[in-house]
Amino acid sequence: MGAVAGEPAAVGNSSSEAQTGRIQSAGAIPHNAQPLSEIEGKKVDGSSIVDKERKEWNTKNIGSRVAVDAACAMTAGGVVSPIITMIDKAIIENASGKRALMTSLKDQARALLLRPHRFVTSKPFALIFMLYSGTYVTANSLDTFKSTTNNRPASSTTSGASKFAATSAANLSLCLYKDSQFTRMFGTVSARPVPSVTYALFAARDCLTIFASFNLPPIIAPNLPLSDTVERYISRASAAQFLAPAAIQLISTPFHLLGLDLYNRNGGTPFSDRMRKVQLDWLKSSIARMCRIVPAFGFGGVINNGMRSKLMKGLE
């Protein structure tokens, strides 16, 4: 009888355990569950879940990095603008027949030395400063954007299609505006709208220059035939930064000269006459544009890149 009387109790316990199991399997929180704060701190493959989310973007000192981008661009633009202003004005005056190339350069050099405050506050200087500061700040900002979104060091740079597209868009828009103003200011004909074909030729010229200035140097630098002795004084990267944009002027200058001629001699001038004019001015204008491009994307590029690299490494 005692054994029989105890059986219902055993059945009751078994039923209670089965019910508890069903409740747990149905999604009830186990009694030994850990708080979410403890789970977030646990590591998955060596790093916590929260840390992985935070490491996707590198936002360290982002405000200071943006300020460095602007400061480096403006410094480089300010350093190269005087010589570029003089050369651009001289090339346009020579192409229009207003003044000989060397005469224009001498007169402007005299103005810079004797009245520097007027020179650096003039409209031509402001246009050139806007052009190159704007181009450099675009390149720098893209590098910062890429280093931020790809979680790379702040001092890292890029050289792909996105950089070519961004710098080309900035340089083209600013340069076309600058050229339209320079052509009106220093041409021999009365001011008139710049023909669309002139804009197209200027755009082709600038695309070649931008590609040779921002994309080509990292590609050709490893293959430059520099001896160990030469590399003690200049790195392959710096040499490529000078050589690539200078050499491309031999190809891009005819686009520039033809565009100017279409503005200065708008009308029924035979194309063969225009090409003779381009051929006549090609060599000296190419050399002048090399002297212009070496400061713009050679010295300017070295100043901008070197200054940015040093300052960004201090923020990493």
C-alpha atoms as a PDB file:
ATOM      1  CA  MET A   1       0.000   0.000   0.000  1.00  0.00           C
ATOM      2  CA  GLY A   2       2.813   2.411   0.822  1.00  0.00           C
ATOM      3  CA  ALA A   3       4.432   1.710  -2.494  1.00  0.00           C
ATOM      4  CA  VAL A   4       1.186   2.243  -4.332  1.00  0.00           C
ATOM      5  CA  ALA A   5       0.486   5.426  -2.464  1.00  0.00           C
ATOM      6  CA  GLY A   6       3.853   6.803  -3.555  1.00  0.00           C
ATOM      7  CA  GLU A   7       3.331   6.249  -7.246  1.00  0.00           C
ATOM      8  CA  PRO A   8       1.136   9.301  -7.908  1.00  0.00           C
ATOM      9  CA  ALA A   9       3.846  11.523  -6.466  1.00  0.00           C
ATOM     10  CA  ALA A  10       6.421  10.061  -8.865  1.00  0.00           C
ATOM     11  CA  VAL A  11       4.078  10.573 -11.787  1.00  0.00           C
ATOM     12  CA  GLY A  12       3.484  14.154 -10.701  1.00  0.00           C
ATOM     13  CA  ASN A  13       7.212  14.919 -10.597  1.00  0.00           C
ATOM     14  CA  SER A  14       7.751  13.428 -14.045  1.00  0.00           C
ATOM     15  CA  SER A  15       4.885  15.444 -15.455  1.00  0.00           C
ATOM     16  CA  SER A  16       6.263  18.649 -13.905  1.00  0.00           C
ATOM     17  CA  GLU A  17       9.759  18.087 -15.403  1.00  0.00           C
ATOM     18  CA  ALA A  18       8.281  17.374 -18.838  1.00  0.00           C
ATOM     19  CA  GLN A  19       6.236  20.551 -18.671  1.00  0.00           C
ATOM     20  CA  THR A  20       9.319  22.574 -17.696  1.00  0.00           C
ATOM     21  CA  GLY A  21      11.229  21.111 -20.649  1.00  0.00           C
ATOM     22  CA  ARG A  22       8.426  22.073 -23.027  1.00  0.00           C
ATOM     23  CA  ILE A  23       8.391  25.615 -21.702  1.00  0.00           C
ATOM     24  CA  GLN A  24      12.161  25.982 -22.172  1.00  0.00           C
ATOM     25  CA  SER A  25      12.063  24.509 -25.650  1.00  0.00           C
ATOM     26  CA  ALA A  26       9.247  26.911 -26.534  1.00  0.00           C
ATOM     27  CA  GLY A  27      11.610  29.883 -26.031  1.00  0.00           C
ATOM     28  CA  ALA A  28      11.492  30.651 -22.332  1.00  0.00           C
ATOM     29  CA  ILE A  29      14.668  32.257 -20.940  1.00  0.00           C
ATOM     30  CA  PRO A  30      16.805  29.676 -19.122  1.00  0.00           C
ATOM     31  CA  HIS A  31      17.605  30.335 -15.491  1.00  0.00           C
ATOM     32  CA  ASN A  32      21.345  30.541 -16.276  1.00  0.00           C
ATOM     33  CA  ALA A  33      21.004  33.038 -19.224  1.00  0.00           C
ATOM     34  CA  GLN A  34      23.676  35.807 -19.387  1.00  0.00           C
ATOM     35  CA  PRO A  35      22.853  39.508 -19.626  1.00  0.00           C
ATOM     36  CA  LEU A  36      23.207  41.140 -23.080  1.00  0.00           C
ATOM     37  CA  SER A  37      25.986  43.399 -21.774  1.00  0.00           C
ATOM     38  CA  GLU A  38      28.111  40.313 -21.056  1.00  0.00           C
ATOM     39  CA  ILE A  39      27.387  38.798 -24.490  1.00  0.00           C
ATOM     40  CA  GLU A  40      28.439  42.053 -26.246  1.00  0.00           C
ATOM     41  CA  GLY A  41      31.787  41.898 -24.495  1.00  0.00           C
ATOM     42  CA  LYS A  42      32.510  38.352 -25.636  1.00  0.00           C
ATOM     43  CA  LYS A  43      34.893  37.879 -28.547  1.00  0.00           C
ATOM     44  CA  VAL A  44      34.125  36.291 -31.885  1.00  0.00           C
ATOM     45  CA  ASP A  45      37.211  35.335 -33.881  1.00  0.00           C
ATOM     46  CA  GLY A  46      39.447  37.398 -31.622  1.00  0.00           C
ATOM     47  CA  SER A  47      37.420  40.633 -31.541  1.00  0.00           C
ATOM     48  CA  SER A  48      34.144  41.630 -29.944  1.00  0.00           C
ATOM     49  CA  ILE A  49      31.003  42.192 -31.990  1.00  0.00           C
ATOM     50  CA  VAL A  50      30.856  45.833 -30.896  1.00  0.00           C
ATOM     51  CA  ASP A  51      34.530  46.363 -31.784  1.00  0.00           C
ATOM     52  CA  LYS A  52      33.958  44.960 -35.255  1.00  0.00           C
ATOM     53  CA  GLU A  53      31.196  47.481 -35.858  1.00  0.00           C
ATOM     54  CA  ARG A  54      33.410  50.320 -34.637  1.00  0.00           C
ATOM     55  CA  LYS A  55      36.389  49.279 -36.788  1.00  0.00           C
ATOM     56  CA  GLU A  56      34.496  49.535 -40.075  1.00  0.00           C
ATOM     57  CA  TRP A  57      35.274  53.286 -40.389  1.00  0.00           C
ATOM     58  CA  ASN A  58      38.370  55.160 -39.267  1.00  0.00           C
ATOM     59  CA  THR A  59      36.952  58.408 -37.855  1.00  0.00           C
ATOM     60  CA  LYS A  60      39.808  59.198 -35.498  1.00  0.00           C
ATOM     61  CA  ASN A  61      40.585  62.962 -35.523  1.00  0.00           C
ATOM     62  CA  ILE A  62      38.348  63.378 -38.561  1.00  0.00           C
ATOM     63  CA  GLY A  63      37.866  67.118 -37.988  1.00  0.00           C
ATOM     64  CA  SER A  64      41.603  67.729 -37.789  1.00  0.00           C
ATOM     65  CA  ARG A  65      42.184  65.568 -40.864  1.00  0.00           C
ATOM     66  CA  VAL A  66      39.751  67.660 -42.913  1.00  0.00           C
ATOM     67  CA  ALA A  67      41.510  70.829 -41.728  1.00  0.00           C
ATOM     68  CA  VAL A  68      44.891  69.353 -42.728  1.00  0.00           C
ATOM     69  CA  ASP A  69      43.538  68.560 -46.209  1.00  0.00           C
ATOM     70  CA  ALA A  70      42.457  72.169 -46.704  1.00  0.00           C
ATOM     71  CA  ALA A  71      45.639  73.683 -45.219  1.00  0.00           C
ATOM     72  CA  CYS A  72      47.944  71.547 -47.379  1.00  0.00           C
ATOM     73  CA  ALA A  73      45.952  72.334 -50.525  1.00  0.00           C
ATOM     74  CA  MET A  74      45.968  76.081 -49.876  1.00  0.00           C
ATOM     75  CA  THR A  75      49.691  76.082 -49.045  1.00  0.00           C
ATOM     76  CA  ALA A  76      50.570  74.258 -52.259  1.00  0.00           C
ATOM     77  CA  GLY A  77      48.216  76.475 -54.265  1.00  0.00           C
ATOM     78  CA  GLY A  78      49.689  79.642 -52.790  1.00  0.00           C
ATOM     79  CA  VAL A  79      53.272  78.589 -53.499  1.00  0.00           C
ATOM     80  CA  VAL A  80      52.731  77.738 -57.176  1.00  0.00           C
ATOM     81  CA  SER A  81      50.184  80.394 -58.161  1.00  0.00           C
ATOM     82  CA  PRO A  82      52.553  83.333 -58.910  1.00  0.00           C
ATOM     83  CA  ILE A  83      54.622  81.560 -61.565  1.00  0.00           C
ATOM     84  CA  ILE A  84      51.578  79.872 -63.111  1.00  0.00           C
ATOM     85  CA  THR A  85      49.727  83.193 -63.318  1.00  0.00           C
ATOM     86  CA  MET A  86      52.630  84.736 -65.229  1.00  0.00           C
ATOM     87  CA  ILE A  87      53.025  81.807 -67.629  1.00  0.00           C
ATOM     88  CA  ASP A  88      49.300  81.415 -68.372  1.00  0.00           C
ATOM     89  CA  LYS A  89      48.927  85.099 -69.143  1.00  0.00           C
ATOM     90  CA  ALA A  90      52.067  85.090 -71.335  1.00  0.00           C
ATOM     91  CA  ILE A  91      50.922  82.058 -73.368  1.00  0.00           C
ATOM     92  CA  ILE A  92      47.519  83.611 -74.081  1.00  0.00           C
ATOM     93  CA  GLU A  93      48.983  87.002 -74.972  1.00  0.00           C
ATOM     94  CA  ASN A  94      51.513  85.333 -77.272  1.00  0.00           C
ATOM     95  CA  ALA A  95      48.868  83.157 -78.966  1.00  0.00           C
ATOM     96  CA  SER A  96      46.645  86.194 -79.594  1.00  0.00           C
ATOM     97  CA  GLY A  97      49.549  88.279 -80.906  1.00  0.00           C
ATOM     98  CA  LYS A  98      49.149  90.864 -78.167  1.00  0.00           C
ATOM     99  CA  ARG A  99      52.695  90.491 -76.775  1.00  0.00           C
ATOM    100  CA  ALA A 100      55.636  88.180 -77.285  1.00  0.00           C
ATOM    101  CA  LEU A 101      56.005  85.389 -74.752  1.00  0.00           C
ATOM    102  CA  MET A 102      59.245  86.597 -73.157  1.00  0.00           C
ATOM    103  CA  THR A 103      58.141  90.247 -73.113  1.00  0.00           C
ATOM    104  CA  SER A 104      54.994  89.332 -71.219  1.00  0.00           C
ATOM    105  CA  LEU A 105      56.932  87.176 -68.734  1.00  0.00           C
ATOM    106  CA  LYS A 106      59.459  89.968 -68.051  1.00  0.00           C
ATOM    107  CA  ASP A 107      56.749  92.574 -67.485  1.00  0.00           C
ATOM    108  CA  GLN A 108      54.864  90.318 -65.070  1.00  0.00           C
ATOM    109  CA  ALA A 109      58.017  89.348 -63.172  1.00  0.00           C
ATOM    110  CA  ARG A 110      58.758  93.043 -62.737  1.00  0.00           C
ATOM    111  CA  ALA A 111      55.233  93.633 -61.444  1.00  0.00           C
ATOM    112  CA  LEU A 112      55.557  90.752 -58.960  1.00  0.00           C
ATOM    113  CA  LEU A 113      58.867  92.043 -57.609  1.00  0.00           C
ATOM    114  CA  LEU A 114      57.976  95.758 -57.459  1.00  0.00           C
ATOM    115  CA  ARG A 115      54.284  95.542 -56.498  1.00  0.00           C
ATOM    116  CA  PRO A 116      53.752  92.098 -54.932  1.00  0.00           C
ATOM    117  CA  HIS A 117      50.690  93.200 -52.949  1.00  0.00           C
ATOM    118  CA  ARG A 118      48.891  94.196 -56.137  1.00  0.00           C
ATOM    119  CA  PHE A 119      49.957  91.046 -57.923  1.00  0.00           C
ATOM    120  CA  VAL A 120      48.651  88.628 -55.279  1.00  0.00           C
ATOM    121  CA  THR A 121      45.371  90.537 -54.937  1.00  0.00           C
ATOM    122  CA  SER A 122      44.726  90.679 -58.681  1.00  0.00           C
ATOM    123  CA  LYS A 123      41.953  88.723 -60.395  1.00  0.00           C
ATOM    124  CA  PRO A 124      44.353  86.543 -62.469  1.00  0.00           C
ATOM    125  CA  PHE A 125      46.198  85.425 -59.323  1.00  0.00           C
ATOM    126  CA  ALA A 126      42.909  84.715 -57.522  1.00  0.00           C
ATOM    127  CA  LEU A 127      41.697  82.579 -60.420  1.00  0.00           C
ATOM    128  CA  ILE A 128      44.892  80.494 -60.449  1.00  0.00           C
ATOM    129  CA  PHE A 129      44.885  80.119 -56.654  1.00  0.00           C
ATOM    130  CA  MET A 130      41.255  78.973 -56.788  1.00  0.00           C
ATOM    131  CA  LEU A 131      42.067  76.462 -59.520  1.00  0.00           C
ATOM    132  CA  TYR A 132      44.973  74.671 -57.846  1.00  0.00           C
ATOM    133  CA  SER A 133      43.816  74.920 -54.246  1.00  0.00           C
ATOM    134  CA  GLY A 134      40.474  73.502 -55.370  1.00  0.00           C
ATOM    135  CA  THR A 135      42.109  70.651 -57.280  1.00  0.00           C
ATOM    136  CA  TYR A 136      44.393  69.699 -54.404  1.00  0.00           C
ATOM    137  CA  VAL A 137      41.670  69.879 -51.767  1.00  0.00           C
ATOM    138  CA  THR A 138      39.538  67.573 -53.919  1.00  0.00           C
ATOM    139  CA  ALA A 139      42.354  65.014 -54.172  1.00  0.00           C
ATOM    140  CA  ASN A 140      43.082  65.279 -50.438  1.00  0.00           C
ATOM    141  CA  SER A 141      39.426  65.001 -49.466  1.00  0.00           C
ATOM    142  CA  LEU A 142      39.022  61.862 -51.551  1.00  0.00           C
ATOM    143  CA  ASP A 143      42.056  60.312 -49.857  1.00  0.00           C
ATOM    144  CA  THR A 144      40.557  61.117 -46.451  1.00  0.00           C
ATOM    145  CA  PHE A 145      37.169  59.749 -47.487  1.00  0.00           C
ATOM    146  CA  LYS A 146      38.743  56.498 -48.673  1.00  0.00           C
ATOM    147  CA  SER A 147      40.942  56.118 -45.583  1.00  0.00           C
ATOM    148  CA  THR A 148      37.888  56.705 -43.388  1.00  0.00           C
ATOM    149  CA  THR A 149      35.460  54.340 -45.082  1.00  0.00           C
ATOM    150  CA  ASN A 150      38.052  51.625 -45.712  1.00  0.00           C
ATOM    151  CA  ASN A 151      39.539  51.836 -42.195  1.00  0.00           C
ATOM    152  CA  ARG A 152      43.015  52.697 -43.447  1.00  0.00           C
ATOM    153  CA  PRO A 153      45.667  54.982 -41.899  1.00  0.00           C
ATOM    154  CA  ALA A 154      44.964  58.707 -42.220  1.00  0.00           C
ATOM    155  CA  SER A 155      48.114  59.259 -44.281  1.00  0.00           C
ATOM    156  CA  SER A 156      47.176  56.700 -46.953  1.00  0.00           C
ATOM    157  CA  THR A 157      46.473  57.834 -50.526  1.00  0.00           C
ATOM    158  CA  THR A 158      44.646  56.440 -53.553  1.00  0.00           C
ATOM    159  CA  SER A 159      45.391  56.426 -57.292  1.00  0.00           C
ATOM    160  CA  GLY A 160      42.457  54.658 -58.925  1.00  0.00           C
ATOM    161  CA  ALA A 161      39.621  55.631 -61.228  1.00  0.00           C
ATOM    162  CA  SER A 162      37.673  57.392 -58.486  1.00  0.00           C
ATOM    163  CA  LYS A 163      40.545  59.799 -57.857  1.00  0.00           C
ATOM    164  CA  PHE A 164      40.925  60.506 -61.569  1.00  0.00           C
ATOM    165  CA  ALA A 165      37.196  61.187 -61.880  1.00  0.00           C
ATOM    166  CA  ALA A 166      37.021  63.450 -58.814  1.00  0.00           C
ATOM    167  CA  THR A 167      40.151  65.491 -59.542  1.00  0.00           C
ATOM    168  CA  SER A 168      39.258  65.748 -63.246  1.00  0.00           C
ATOM    169  CA  ALA A 169      35.771  67.044 -62.444  1.00  0.00           C
ATOM    170  CA  ALA A 170      37.142  69.661 -60.048  1.00  0.00           C
ATOM    171  CA  ASN A 171      40.055  70.690 -62.260  1.00  0.00           C
ATOM    172  CA  LEU A 172      37.997  70.787 -65.448  1.00  0.00           C
ATOM    173  CA  SER A 173      35.227  72.949 -64.048  1.00  0.00           C
ATOM    174  CA  LEU A 174      37.625  75.366 -62.345  1.00  0.00           C
ATOM    175  CA  CYS A 175      40.085  75.446 -65.250  1.00  0.00           C
ATOM    176  CA  LEU A 176      37.430  76.035 -67.880  1.00  0.00           C
ATOM    177  CA  TYR A 177      36.127  78.978 -65.880  1.00  0.00           C
ATOM    178  CA  LYS A 178      39.676  80.310 -65.429  1.00  0.00           C
ATOM    179  CA  ASP A 179      40.498  79.904 -69.121  1.00  0.00           C
ATOM    180  CA  SER A 180      37.317  81.644 -70.210  1.00  0.00           C
ATOM    181  CA  GLN A 181      38.217  84.606 -67.994  1.00  0.00           C
ATOM    182  CA  PHE A 182      41.876  84.693 -69.100  1.00  0.00           C
ATOM    183  CA  THR A 183      40.908  84.432 -72.779  1.00  0.00           C
ATOM    184  CA  ARG A 184      38.573  87.410 -72.458  1.00  0.00           C
ATOM    185  CA  MET A 185      41.005  89.465 -70.357  1.00  0.00           C
ATOM    186  CA  PHE A 186      44.160  88.927 -72.413  1.00  0.00           C
ATOM    187  CA  GLY A 187      42.945  88.237 -75.951  1.00  0.00           C
ATOM    188  CA  THR A 188      43.094  90.800 -78.757  1.00  0.00           C
ATOM    189  CA  VAL A 189      39.457  90.561 -79.847  1.00  0.00           C
ATOM    190  CA  SER A 190      36.550  92.127 -78.007  1.00  0.00           C
ATOM    191  CA  ALA A 191      35.146  89.886 -75.302  1.00  0.00           C
ATOM    192  CA  ARG A 192      32.645  87.347 -76.596  1.00  0.00           C
ATOM    193  CA  PRO A 193      31.349  83.914 -75.549  1.00  0.00           C
ATOM    194  CA  VAL A 194      33.965  81.182 -75.720  1.00  0.00           C
ATOM    195  CA  PRO A 195      33.019  78.613 -78.434  1.00  0.00           C
ATOM    196  CA  SER A 196      31.932  75.198 -77.215  1.00  0.00           C
ATOM    197  CA  VAL A 197      34.647  73.516 -79.304  1.00  0.00           C
ATOM    198  CA  THR A 198      37.238  75.586 -77.434  1.00  0.00           C
ATOM    199  CA  TYR A 199      35.829  74.319 -74.136  1.00  0.00           C
ATOM    200  CA  ALA A 200      36.007  70.749 -75.478  1.00  0.00           C
ATOM    201  CA  LEU A 201      39.661  71.157 -76.479  1.00  0.00           C
ATOM    202  CA  PHE A 202      40.517  72.667 -73.099  1.00  0.00           C
ATOM    203  CA  ALA A 203      38.742  69.741 -71.416  1.00  0.00           C
ATOM    204  CA  ALA A 204      40.792  67.202 -73.412  1.00  0.00           C
ATOM    205  CA  ARG A 205      43.967  69.086 -72.489  1.00  0.00           C
ATOM    206  CA  ASP A 206      43.108  69.044 -68.794  1.00  0.00           C
ATOM    207  CA  CYS A 207      42.109  65.358 -68.735  1.00  0.00           C
ATOM    208  CA  LEU A 208      45.549  64.461 -70.070  1.00  0.00           C
ATOM    209  CA  THR A 209      47.251  66.670 -67.494  1.00  0.00           C
ATOM    210  CA  ILE A 210      45.207  65.352 -64.575  1.00  0.00           C
ATOM    211  CA  PHE A 211      45.839  61.734 -65.543  1.00  0.00           C
ATOM    212  CA  ALA A 212      49.581  62.400 -65.810  1.00  0.00           C
ATOM    213  CA  SER A 213      49.622  64.284 -62.501  1.00  0.00           C
ATOM    214  CA  PHE A 214      47.568  62.096 -60.172  1.00  0.00           C
ATOM    215  CA  ASN A 215      47.340  58.627 -61.725  1.00  0.00           C
ATOM    216  CA  LEU A 216      50.457  58.097 -63.811  1.00  0.00           C
ATOM    217  CA  PRO A 217      53.227  58.800 -61.228  1.00  0.00           C
ATOM    218  CA  PRO A 218      52.451  55.795 -58.967  1.00  0.00           C
ATOM    219  CA  ILE A 219      52.361  53.574 -62.060  1.00  0.00           C
ATOM    220  CA  ILE A 220      55.673  54.628 -63.623  1.00  0.00           C
ATOM    221  CA  ALA A 221      57.647  55.342 -60.430  1.00  0.00           C
ATOM    222  CA  PRO A 222      58.756  51.714 -59.789  1.00  0.00           C
ATOM    223  CA  ASN A 223      60.038  51.426 -63.378  1.00  0.00           C
ATOM    224  CA  LEU A 224      62.070  54.636 -63.565  1.00  0.00           C
ATOM    225  CA  PRO A 225      65.728  53.876 -64.388  1.00  0.00           C
ATOM    226  CA  LEU A 226      67.235  55.739 -61.440  1.00  0.00           C
ATOM    227  CA  SER A 227      70.599  54.741 -60.026  1.00  0.00           C
ATOM    228  CA  ASP A 228      71.244  54.372 -56.300  1.00  0.00           C
ATOM    229  CA  THR A 229      73.272  57.592 -56.405  1.00  0.00           C
ATOM    230  CA  VAL A 230      70.379  59.578 -57.882  1.00  0.00           C
ATOM    231  CA  GLU A 231      67.921  58.079 -55.410  1.00  0.00           C
ATOM    232  CA  ARG A 232      69.948  59.548 -52.560  1.00  0.00           C
ATOM    233  CA  TYR A 233      68.764  62.979 -53.712  1.00  0.00           C
ATOM    234  CA  ILE A 234      65.303  62.315 -55.147  1.00  0.00           C
ATOM    235  CA  SER A 235      62.924  59.410 -54.686  1.00  0.00           C
ATOM    236  CA  ARG A 236      61.296  57.575 -57.558  1.00  0.00           C
ATOM    237  CA  ALA A 237      57.894  58.880 -56.483  1.00  0.00           C
ATOM    238  CA  SER A 238      59.082  62.508 -56.550  1.00  0.00           C
ATOM    239  CA  ALA A 239      60.854  62.043 -59.884  1.00  0.00           C
ATOM    240  CA  ALA A 240      57.694  60.572 -61.407  1.00  0.00           C
ATOM    241  CA  GLN A 241      55.660  63.453 -59.969  1.00  0.00           C
ATOM    242  CA  PHE A 242      57.854  65.906 -61.914  1.00  0.00           C
ATOM    243  CA  LEU A 243      58.367  63.939 -65.136  1.00  0.00           C
ATOM    244  CA  ALA A 244      54.877  62.651 -65.940  1.00  0.00           C
ATOM    245  CA  PRO A 245      52.935  65.954 -65.982  1.00  0.00           C
ATOM    246  CA  ALA A 246      55.803  67.731 -67.765  1.00  0.00           C
ATOM    247  CA  ALA A 247      56.143  65.158 -70.550  1.00  0.00           C
ATOM    248  CA  ILE A 248      52.404  65.060 -71.267  1.00  0.00           C
ATOM    249  CA  GLN A 249      52.525  68.726 -72.277  1.00  0.00           C
ATOM    250  CA  LEU A 250      54.076  67.740 -75.602  1.00  0.00           C
ATOM    251  CA  ILE A 251      50.766  66.025 -76.375  1.00  0.00           C
ATOM    252  CA  SER A 252      48.280  68.335 -74.638  1.00  0.00           C
ATOM    253  CA  THR A 253      49.636  71.737 -75.754  1.00  0.00           C
ATOM    254  CA  PRO A 254      48.272  71.481 -79.340  1.00  0.00           C
ATOM    255  CA  PHE A 255      44.761  71.122 -77.862  1.00  0.00           C
ATOM    256  CA  HIS A 256      45.366  74.306 -75.881  1.00  0.00           C
ATOM    257  CA  LEU A 257      46.700  76.300 -78.845  1.00  0.00           C
ATOM    258  CA  LEU A 258      43.951  75.194 -81.209  1.00  0.00           C
ATOM    259  CA  GLY A 259      41.308  76.158 -78.654  1.00  0.00           C
ATOM    260  CA  LEU A 260      42.823  79.628 -78.293  1.00  0.00           C
ATOM    261  CA  ASP A 261      43.032  80.065 -82.074  1.00  0.00           C
ATOM    262  CA  LEU A 262      39.367  79.154 -82.489  1.00  0.00           C
ATOM    263  CA  TYR A 263      38.517  81.968 -80.071  1.00  0.00           C
ATOM    264  CA  ASN A 264      40.940  84.574 -81.461  1.00  0.00           C
ATOM    265  CA  ARG A 265      40.171  83.821 -85.138  1.00  0.00           C
ATOM    266  CA  ASN A 266      36.537  82.843 -84.952  1.00  0.00           C
ATOM    267  CA  GLY A 267      35.111  82.607 -88.461  1.00  0.00           C
ATOM    268  CA  GLY A 268      36.131  81.228 -91.831  1.00  0.00           C
ATOM    269  CA  THR A 269      39.816  80.594 -91.133  1.00  0.00           C
ATOM    270  CA  PRO A 270      40.876  77.387 -92.943  1.00  0.00           C
ATOM    271  CA  PHE A 271      41.787  74.507 -90.640  1.00  0.00           C
ATOM    272  CA  SER A 272      45.171  74.193 -92.358  1.00  0.00           C
ATOM    273  CA  ASP A 273      45.978  77.790 -91.355  1.00  0.00           C
ATOM    274  CA  ARG A 274      45.019  77.042 -87.764  1.00  0.00           C
ATOM    275  CA  MET A 275      47.286  73.994 -87.700  1.00  0.00           C
ATOM    276  CA  ARG A 276      50.186  76.032 -89.087  1.00  0.00           C
ATOM    277  CA  LYS A 277      49.691  78.503 -86.244  1.00  0.00           C
ATOM    278  CA  VAL A 278      49.616  75.626 -83.743  1.00  0.00           C
ATOM    279  CA  GLN A 279      52.778  74.152 -85.246  1.00  0.00           C
ATOM    280  CA  LEU A 280      54.522  77.517 -85.118  1.00  0.00           C
ATOM    281  CA  ASP A 281      53.807  78.014 -81.411  1.00  0.00           C
ATOM    282  CA  TRP A 282      53.906  74.340 -80.326  1.00  0.00           C
ATOM    283  CA  LEU A 283      57.496  73.963 -79.101  1.00  0.00           C
ATOM    284  CA  LYS A 284      57.879  77.219 -77.170  1.00  0.00           C
ATOM    285  CA  SER A 285      54.357  76.921 -75.764  1.00  0.00           C
ATOM    286  CA  SER A 286      55.019  73.303 -74.745  1.00  0.00           C
ATOM    287  CA  ILE A 287      58.183  74.351 -72.929  1.00  0.00           C
ATOM    288  CA  ALA A 288      56.313  77.222 -71.278  1.00  0.00           C
ATOM    289  CA  ARG A 289      53.528  74.865 -70.189  1.00  0.00           C
ATOM    290  CA  MET A 290      56.127  72.430 -68.850  1.00  0.00           C
ATOM    291  CA  CYS A 291      57.525  75.285 -66.756  1.00  0.00           C
ATOM    292  CA  ARG A 292      53.960  75.929 -65.644  1.00  0.00           C
ATOM    293  CA  ILE A 293      53.032  72.300 -64.942  1.00  0.00           C
ATOM    294  CA  VAL A 294      56.221  71.438 -63.034  1.00  0.00           C
ATOM    295  CA  PRO A 295      55.353  73.996 -60.333  1.00  0.00           C
ATOM    296  CA  ALA A 296      51.633  73.220 -60.503  1.00  0.00           C
ATOM    297  CA  PHE A 297      51.662  69.429 -60.228  1.00  0.00           C
ATOM    298  CA  GLY A 298      55.377  68.811 -59.662  1.00  0.00           C
ATOM    299  CA  PHE A 299      56.443  71.149 -56.872  1.00  0.00           C
ATOM    300  CA  GLY A 300      52.844  71.664 -55.868  1.00  0.00           C
ATOM    301  CA  GLY A 301      52.217  67.928 -55.728  1.00  0.00           C
ATOM    302  CA  VAL A 302      55.369  67.279 -53.710  1.00  0.00           C
ATOM    303  CA  ILE A 303      54.502  70.091 -51.274  1.00  0.00           C
ATOM    304  CA  ASN A 304      50.908  68.964 -50.887  1.00  0.00           C
ATOM    305  CA  ASN A 305      51.667  65.248 -50.600  1.00  0.00           C
ATOM    306  CA  GLY A 306      54.700  65.644 -48.342  1.00  0.00           C
ATOM    307  CA  MET A 307      53.023  68.110 -46.010  1.00  0.00           C
ATOM    308  CA  ARG A 308      49.840  66.054 -45.842  1.00  0.00           C
ATOM    309  CA  SER A 309      51.710  62.789 -45.189  1.00  0.00           C
ATOM    310  CA  LYS A 310      53.672  64.315 -42.321  1.00  0.00           C
ATOM    311  CA  LEU A 311      50.689  65.999 -40.661  1.00  0.00           C
ATOM    312  CA  MET A 312      48.385  63.016 -41.104  1.00  0.00           C
ATOM    313  CA  LYS A 313      50.888  60.635 -39.548  1.00  0.00           C
ATOM    314  CA  GLY A 314      50.855  62.875 -36.501  1.00  0.00           C
ATOM    315  CA  LEU A 315      47.082  62.357 -36.263  1.00  0.00           C
ATOM    316  CA  GLU A 316      47.135  58.549 -36.589  1.00  0.00           C
END
